[in-house]
C-alpha atoms as a PDB file:
ATOM      1  CA  MET A   1      -3.937  36.746  -7.504  1.00  0.00           C
ATOM      2  CA  ALA A   2      -1.975  33.901  -5.795  1.00  0.00           C
ATOM      3  CA  LYS A   3       1.137  34.584  -3.996  1.00  0.00           C
ATOM      4  CA  PRO A   4       4.274  32.967  -4.989  1.00  0.00           C
ATOM      5  CA  LEU A   5       5.160  29.794  -2.980  1.00  0.00           C
ATOM      6  CA  LYS A   6       7.736  30.240  -0.458  1.00  0.00           C
ATOM      7  CA  VAL A   7       9.959  26.898   0.381  1.00  0.00           C
ATOM      8  CA  ASP A   8      12.888  27.275   2.440  1.00  0.00           C
ATOM      9  CA  ASN A   9      15.455  24.403   3.260  1.00  0.00           C
ATOM     10  CA  VAL A  10      13.843  23.488   6.618  1.00  0.00           C
ATOM     11  CA  TRP A  11      10.401  22.554   4.590  1.00  0.00           C
ATOM     12  CA  LEU A  12      12.376  20.781   2.128  1.00  0.00           C
ATOM     13  CA  GLU A  13      14.296  18.522   4.625  1.00  0.00           C
ATOM     14  CA  ARG A  14      10.579  18.029   6.427  1.00  0.00           C
ATOM     15  CA  ILE A  15       9.049  16.876   3.304  1.00  0.00           C
ATOM     16  CA  ALA A  16      11.843  14.663   2.396  1.00  0.00           C
ATOM     17  CA  GLY A  17      12.169  12.997   5.619  1.00  0.00           C
ATOM     18  CA  MET A  18       8.435  12.116   5.599  1.00  0.00           C
ATOM     19  CA  LEU A  19       8.895  10.707   2.180  1.00  0.00           C
ATOM     20  CA  ASP A  20      11.870   8.549   3.091  1.00  0.00           C
ATOM     21  CA  GLU A  21       9.999   6.840   6.108  1.00  0.00           C
ATOM     22  CA  MET A  22       6.764   6.054   3.637  1.00  0.00           C
ATOM     23  CA  GLU A  23       6.339   3.043   1.885  1.00  0.00           C
ATOM     24  CA  PHE A  24       2.950   3.393   0.749  1.00  0.00           C
ATOM     25  CA  GLY A  25       0.726   6.466   1.161  1.00  0.00           C
ATOM     26  CA  SER A  26       0.275  10.012   0.195  1.00  0.00           C
ATOM     27  CA  LEU A  27       1.840  13.315   1.527  1.00  0.00           C
ATOM     28  CA  ASN A  28      -0.556  16.418   1.624  1.00  0.00           C
ATOM     29  CA  ILE A  29       1.097  19.993   1.537  1.00  0.00           C
ATOM     30  CA  VAL A  30      -0.961  22.517   2.864  1.00  0.00           C
ATOM     31  CA  VAL A  31      -0.246  26.116   1.880  1.00  0.00           C
ATOM     32  CA  HIS A  32      -1.716  29.302   3.452  1.00  0.00           C
ATOM     33  CA  GLU A  33      -0.951  32.742   1.836  1.00  0.00           C
ATOM     34  CA  GLY A  34       1.879  31.355  -0.143  1.00  0.00           C
ATOM     35  CA  GLN A  35       3.418  29.653   2.787  1.00  0.00           C
ATOM     36  CA  ILE A  36       3.791  25.750   3.701  1.00  0.00           C
ATOM     37  CA  VAL A  37       1.734  25.734   7.124  1.00  0.00           C
ATOM     38  CA  GLN A  38       1.079  21.925   7.477  1.00  0.00           C
ATOM     39  CA  LEU A  39       2.070  18.309   6.258  1.00  0.00           C
ATOM     40  CA  GLU A  40      -0.169  15.639   6.511  1.00  0.00           C
ATOM     41  CA  ARG A  41       0.754  12.247   5.898  1.00  0.00           C
ATOM     42  CA  THR A  42      -1.462   9.364   5.358  1.00  0.00           C
ATOM     43  CA  GLU A  43       0.116   6.123   5.676  1.00  0.00           C
ATOM     44  CA  ARG A  44      -0.781   2.504   4.637  1.00  0.00           C
ATOM     45  CA  ARG A  45       0.716  -0.641   5.620  1.00  0.00           C
ATOM     46  CA  ARG A  46       0.539  -3.913   3.684  1.00  0.00           C
ATOM     47  CA  TYR A  47       0.603  -7.446   5.101  1.00  0.00           C
ATOM     48  CA  GLU A  48       1.143 -10.698   3.341  1.00  0.00           C
ATOM     49  CA  ALA A  49      -2.199 -13.158   3.867  1.00  0.00           C
ATOM     50  CA  ASN A  50      -1.698 -16.184   6.145  1.00  0.00           C
ATOM     51  CA  GLY A  51      -3.389 -19.247   6.701  1.00  0.00           C
ATOM     52  CA  SER A  52      -5.800 -18.073   9.476  1.00  0.00           C
ATOM     53  CA  ALA A  53      -7.009 -15.454   7.277  1.00  0.00           C
ATOM     54  CA  ALA A  54      -8.000 -17.335   4.368  1.00  0.00           C
ATOM     55  CA  GLN A  55      -9.588 -19.752   6.673  1.00  0.00           C
ATOM     56  CA  ARG A  56     -11.685 -16.926   7.800  1.00  0.00           C
ATOM     57  CA  SER A  57     -12.384 -15.701   4.832  1.00  0.00           C
ATOM     58  CA  SER A  58     -13.925 -19.066   3.537  1.00  0.00           C
ATOM     59  CA  GLY A  59     -16.682 -18.832   5.905  1.00  0.00           C
ATOM     60  CA  SER A  60     -16.164 -22.180   7.780  1.00  0.00           C
ATOM     61  CA  SER A  61     -15.807 -19.948  11.259  1.00  0.00           C
ATOM     62  CA  ARG A  62     -18.625 -17.805  10.736  1.00  0.00           C
ATOM     63  CA  GLN A  63     -20.810 -16.647  13.404  1.00  0.00           C
ATOM     64  CA  THR A  64     -24.687 -15.729  13.559  1.00  0.00           C
ATOM     65  CA  VAL A  65     -25.237 -12.397  14.318  1.00  0.00           C
ATOM     66  CA  LYS A  66     -28.256 -11.512  16.715  1.00  0.00           C
ATOM     67  CA  PRO A  67     -30.070  -8.266  16.795  1.00  0.00           C
ATOM     68  CA  LEU A  68     -29.882  -5.910  19.697  1.00  0.00           C
ATOM     69  CA  ARG A  69     -33.501  -5.942  20.275  1.00  0.00           C
ATOM     70  CA  LYS A  70     -36.358  -7.693  19.043  1.00  0.00           C
ATOM     71  CA  SER A  71     -38.482  -6.150  16.307  1.00  0.00           C
ATOM     72  CA  GLU A  72     -42.224  -5.268  17.528  1.00  0.00           C
ATOM     73  CA  SER A  73     -44.940  -6.436  15.240  1.00  0.00           C
ATOM     74  CA  ARG A  74     -47.939  -4.229  14.517  1.00  0.00           C
END
């Protein structure tokens, strides 16, 4: 049977602090034997597209990729 989760004010402050600093992402709370033992934060950063990125995606500056070694014919 699962033990009841014990959350004290220290953990609540840590969780709130990590959420306050985050704009996009997720916060995972790891629990072991009914106690919080770890917080894992995955943060996403979003950037606005600019002119140079749009130019690259149009294919105008595409480069040819050469293989590292020649394949042997049999």
